[in-house]
Amino acid sequence: IRELHEMFMDMAMFVETQGEMINNIEKNVMNASDYVEHAKEETKKAVKYQSKARRVCYLSVIVLVSIL
């Protein structure tokens, strides 16, 4: 009976440890989701900045050509 009790205690410990691991995995997945959303926003900003920089470059070339 003691061996059976020890087996159940070990099993309970394993289940608890796995529960902690699952919670940790869930937390990491949620963090990854947040990071992806933030990355999407930053990518949109980068595209806008790139577009503005390209426009400024084109206008600068046009002005330089007009002056010459």
C-alpha atoms as a PDB file:
ATOM      1  CA  ILE A   1       0.000   0.000   0.000  1.00  0.00           C
ATOM      2  CA  ARG A   2       2.870   2.378   0.752  1.00  0.00           C
ATOM      3  CA  GLU A   3       4.342   1.824  -2.682  1.00  0.00           C
ATOM      4  CA  LEU A   4       0.973   2.618  -4.214  1.00  0.00           C
ATOM      5  CA  HIS A   5       0.744   5.764  -2.098  1.00  0.00           C
ATOM      6  CA  GLU A   6       4.250   6.807  -3.193  1.00  0.00           C
ATOM      7  CA  MET A   7       3.333   6.177  -6.817  1.00  0.00           C
ATOM      8  CA  PHE A   8       0.265   8.397  -6.493  1.00  0.00           C
ATOM      9  CA  MET A   9       2.309  11.087  -4.754  1.00  0.00           C
ATOM     10  CA  ASP A  10       4.903  10.935  -7.545  1.00  0.00           C
ATOM     11  CA  MET A  11       2.128  11.090 -10.124  1.00  0.00           C
ATOM     12  CA  ALA A  12       0.629  14.149  -8.391  1.00  0.00           C
ATOM     13  CA  MET A  13       4.032  15.827  -8.411  1.00  0.00           C
ATOM     14  CA  PHE A  14       4.469  15.079 -12.133  1.00  0.00           C
ATOM     15  CA  VAL A  15       1.010  16.453 -12.911  1.00  0.00           C
ATOM     16  CA  GLU A  16       1.746  19.626 -10.957  1.00  0.00           C
ATOM     17  CA  THR A  17       5.079  20.072 -12.719  1.00  0.00           C
ATOM     18  CA  GLN A  18       3.449  19.565 -16.100  1.00  0.00           C
ATOM     19  CA  GLY A  19       0.763  22.092 -15.157  1.00  0.00           C
ATOM     20  CA  GLU A  20       3.460  24.648 -14.413  1.00  0.00           C
ATOM     21  CA  MET A  21       5.141  23.869 -17.719  1.00  0.00           C
ATOM     22  CA  ILE A  22       1.856  24.269 -19.584  1.00  0.00           C
ATOM     23  CA  ASN A  23       1.238  27.599 -17.860  1.00  0.00           C
ATOM     24  CA  ASN A  24       4.736  28.708 -18.831  1.00  0.00           C
ATOM     25  CA  ILE A  25       4.142  27.669 -22.451  1.00  0.00           C
ATOM     26  CA  GLU A  26       0.827  29.533 -22.484  1.00  0.00           C
ATOM     27  CA  LYS A  27       2.516  32.659 -21.117  1.00  0.00           C
ATOM     28  CA  ASN A  28       5.219  32.444 -23.784  1.00  0.00           C
ATOM     29  CA  VAL A  29       2.616  32.050 -26.533  1.00  0.00           C
ATOM     30  CA  MET A  30       0.763  35.120 -25.275  1.00  0.00           C
ATOM     31  CA  ASN A  31       4.027  37.091 -25.166  1.00  0.00           C
ATOM     32  CA  ALA A  32       4.833  35.974 -28.704  1.00  0.00           C
ATOM     33  CA  SER A  33       1.415  37.141 -29.841  1.00  0.00           C
ATOM     34  CA  ASP A  34       2.018  40.551 -28.261  1.00  0.00           C
ATOM     35  CA  TYR A  35       5.448  40.776 -29.897  1.00  0.00           C
ATOM     36  CA  VAL A  36       3.949  39.948 -33.296  1.00  0.00           C
ATOM     37  CA  GLU A  37       1.333  42.685 -32.935  1.00  0.00           C
ATOM     38  CA  HIS A  38       4.023  45.175 -31.943  1.00  0.00           C
ATOM     39  CA  ALA A  39       6.178  44.085 -34.885  1.00  0.00           C
ATOM     40  CA  LYS A  40       3.248  44.624 -37.271  1.00  0.00           C
ATOM     41  CA  GLU A  41       2.831  48.186 -36.010  1.00  0.00           C
ATOM     42  CA  GLU A  42       6.554  48.878 -36.292  1.00  0.00           C
ATOM     43  CA  THR A  43       6.598  47.467 -39.831  1.00  0.00           C
ATOM     44  CA  LYS A  44       3.753  49.774 -40.842  1.00  0.00           C
ATOM     45  CA  LYS A  45       5.691  52.736 -39.425  1.00  0.00           C
ATOM     46  CA  ALA A  46       8.820  51.655 -41.293  1.00  0.00           C
ATOM     47  CA  VAL A  47       6.905  51.459 -44.576  1.00  0.00           C
ATOM     48  CA  LYS A  48       5.560  54.989 -44.034  1.00  0.00           C
ATOM     49  CA  TYR A  49       9.031  56.336 -43.212  1.00  0.00           C
ATOM     50  CA  GLN A  50      10.501  54.622 -46.258  1.00  0.00           C
ATOM     51  CA  SER A  51       7.803  56.088 -48.485  1.00  0.00           C
ATOM     52  CA  LYS A  52       8.389  59.582 -47.101  1.00  0.00           C
ATOM     53  CA  ALA A  53      12.152  59.240 -47.497  1.00  0.00           C
ATOM     54  CA  ARG A  54      11.753  58.111 -51.102  1.00  0.00           C
ATOM     55  CA  ARG A  55       9.468  61.072 -51.802  1.00  0.00           C
ATOM     56  CA  VAL A  56      12.008  63.496 -50.300  1.00  0.00           C
ATOM     57  CA  CYS A  57      14.756  61.913 -52.383  1.00  0.00           C
ATOM     58  CA  TYR A  58      12.735  62.282 -55.593  1.00  0.00           C
ATOM     59  CA  LEU A  59      11.863  65.887 -54.789  1.00  0.00           C
ATOM     60  CA  SER A  60      15.509  66.649 -54.034  1.00  0.00           C
ATOM     61  CA  VAL A  61      16.576  65.223 -57.394  1.00  0.00           C
ATOM     62  CA  ILE A  62      13.884  67.229 -59.190  1.00  0.00           C
ATOM     63  CA  VAL A  63      14.961  70.429 -57.443  1.00  0.00           C
ATOM     64  CA  LEU A  64      18.632  69.789 -58.243  1.00  0.00           C
ATOM     65  CA  VAL A  65      17.853  69.065 -61.888  1.00  0.00           C
ATOM     66  CA  SER A  66      15.692  72.207 -62.065  1.00  0.00           C
ATOM     67  CA  ILE A  67      18.500  74.337 -60.635  1.00  0.00           C
ATOM     68  CA  LEU A  68      21.065  72.983 -63.068  1.00  0.00           C
END
